[in-house]
Protein backbone atom coordinates (compact mmCIF):
# COMPACT_ATOMS: atom_id res chain seq x y z
CA MET A 1 -10.45 -20.14 -5.27
CA LYS A 2 -6.91 -19.85 -3.93
CA GLN A 3 -6.06 -16.97 -1.62
CA VAL A 4 -2.83 -15.09 -0.99
CA SER A 5 -2.46 -16.93 2.32
CA ASP A 6 -2.22 -20.23 0.41
CA TRP A 7 0.96 -19.22 -1.44
CA MET A 8 2.59 -16.39 0.53
CA LYS A 9 5.96 -16.77 2.26
CA SER A 10 6.37 -16.17 5.95
CA PRO A 11 8.26 -15.12 8.03
CA VAL A 12 9.68 -12.10 6.20
CA LEU A 13 13.20 -10.75 6.49
CA THR A 14 12.79 -7.35 8.19
CA THR A 15 14.69 -4.42 9.60
CA ASP A 16 13.88 -0.97 10.95
CA GLY A 17 14.52 2.29 9.14
CA ASP A 18 17.45 3.31 11.33
CA THR A 19 19.53 0.27 10.32
CA SER A 20 22.52 1.09 8.14
CA ILE A 21 22.51 0.07 4.49
CA LEU A 22 25.63 -1.99 5.22
CA ASP A 23 23.94 -3.99 8.00
CA ALA A 24 20.78 -4.50 5.95
CA ALA A 25 22.80 -5.70 2.94
CA LYS A 26 24.73 -8.13 5.15
CA LYS A 27 21.45 -9.48 6.54
CA MET A 28 20.11 -9.92 3.00
CA GLN A 29 23.30 -11.70 1.95
CA VAL A 30 23.25 -14.12 4.89
CA LYS A 31 19.59 -15.01 4.22
CA LYS A 32 20.15 -15.06 0.44
CA SER A 33 17.27 -12.60 -0.01
CA SER A 34 16.83 -10.01 -2.75
CA TYR A 35 14.75 -7.81 -0.44
CA ILE A 36 14.17 -6.77 3.15
CA ALA A 37 10.99 -5.16 4.48
CA VAL A 38 11.40 -1.99 6.52
CA LEU A 39 9.15 -1.84 9.56
CA ASN A 40 8.03 0.75 12.07
CA GLY A 41 6.95 -1.58 14.86
CA LYS A 42 5.13 -4.28 12.90
CA LYS A 43 3.84 -1.96 10.17
CA PRO A 44 5.67 -1.94 6.82
CA VAL A 45 6.97 1.50 5.88
CA GLY A 46 9.43 0.62 3.13
CA LEU A 47 10.99 -2.06 0.99
CA LEU A 48 14.71 -2.32 0.27
CA THR A 49 15.49 -4.49 -2.74
CA ASP A 50 18.62 -5.38 -4.63
CA LYS A 51 17.51 -2.73 -7.15
CA GLU A 52 17.77 0.04 -4.54
CA LEU A 53 21.12 -1.33 -3.39
CA VAL A 54 22.52 -1.24 -6.93
CA SER A 55 21.32 2.36 -7.33
CA PHE A 56 22.86 3.24 -3.96
CA VAL A 57 26.28 1.94 -5.05
CA SER A 58 26.39 4.66 -7.72
CA THR A 59 26.21 7.41 -5.08
CA ASP A 60 29.09 8.76 -3.05
CA LYS A 61 27.40 7.91 0.25
CA LEU A 62 28.85 5.47 2.75
CA PRO A 63 26.77 2.32 3.37
CA SER A 64 27.84 2.24 7.01
CA SER A 65 26.43 5.71 7.71
CA THR A 66 23.37 5.77 5.43
CA LYS A 67 20.09 4.60 6.92
CA VAL A 68 17.74 2.16 5.25
CA LYS A 69 14.85 4.64 5.57
CA ASP A 70 16.76 7.06 3.31
CA VAL A 71 17.15 4.54 0.48
CA SER A 72 14.24 2.11 0.68
CA SER A 73 11.24 2.42 -1.60
CA LYS A 74 8.08 3.83 -0.07
CA ASN A 75 6.09 2.87 -3.19
CA PHE A 76 5.35 -0.74 -2.36
CA VAL A 77 2.04 -2.54 -2.84
CA THR A 78 0.30 -4.48 -0.09
CA VAL A 79 -2.30 -7.20 -0.29
CA SER A 80 -4.40 -9.02 2.28
CA PRO A 81 -3.99 -12.73 3.07
CA GLU A 82 -7.66 -13.11 2.12
CA ASP A 83 -7.28 -11.58 -1.36
CA SER A 84 -7.81 -13.97 -4.25
CA ILE A 85 -4.78 -15.03 -6.27
CA LEU A 86 -6.67 -14.10 -9.45
CA ASP A 87 -7.17 -10.50 -8.25
CA VAL A 88 -3.56 -10.26 -7.13
CA CYS A 89 -2.33 -11.54 -10.51
CA THR A 90 -4.20 -8.68 -12.15
CA VAL A 91 -2.41 -6.20 -9.87
CA PHE A 92 0.97 -7.83 -10.57
CA ASN A 93 0.30 -7.47 -14.29
CA THR A 94 -1.14 -3.94 -14.38
CA LYS A 95 1.49 -2.47 -12.06
CA ASN A 96 4.40 -4.51 -13.50
CA LEU A 97 5.39 -5.86 -10.08
CA THR A 98 7.36 -8.89 -8.94
CA LEU A 99 6.74 -8.70 -5.17
CA MET A 100 3.99 -7.57 -2.80
CA LEU A 101 3.90 -7.33 0.97
CA VAL A 102 1.08 -9.21 2.70
CA VAL A 103 -0.46 -7.15 5.49
CA LYS A 104 -3.22 -7.91 7.98
CA ASP A 105 -4.41 -5.34 10.54
CA ASP A 106 -1.46 -3.06 9.61
CA LYS A 107 1.02 -5.86 10.43
CA LEU A 108 3.36 -7.51 7.95
CA VAL A 109 2.49 -11.21 7.80
CA GLY A 110 4.22 -12.35 4.60
CA THR A 111 5.27 -11.67 1.04
CA LEU A 112 3.97 -12.88 -2.30
CA SER A 113 6.10 -12.92 -5.42
CA MET A 114 5.46 -13.86 -9.02
CA GLY A 115 7.70 -16.86 -8.35
CA ASP A 116 5.43 -17.97 -5.50
CA ILE A 117 2.45 -17.83 -7.83
CA ILE A 118 4.23 -19.82 -10.54
CA LYS A 119 5.28 -22.45 -7.99
CA GLY A 120 1.70 -22.64 -6.73
CA LEU A 121 0.36 -23.09 -10.24
CA VAL A 122 2.78 -25.85 -11.26
CA GLY A 123 2.61 -27.34 -7.84
């Protein structure tokens, strides 16, 4: 049975919570990423996606003076590299997710998206 570690992506684009929204968005643009993981040390504490950035644009706050930790989602789901793909697919489906952070020993080691699973299946 395939495990998360077989199909996850690594390394992950990361930043810390004190980074400005502007700097995080620039980093995402350069790397052509729709998300950036927010870390405290090596532990994930948030996830900033293009969805949060679009919502942020509708506020009157300045991206250069707003911190990532004030905008990023704290409601992200983590999985272990050893988890089975079948179990993770169930979580993707029941929670209506498109991305999960892969964590081992409280350290971010990768990401797994629905796209990664589809690529793994069609091979």
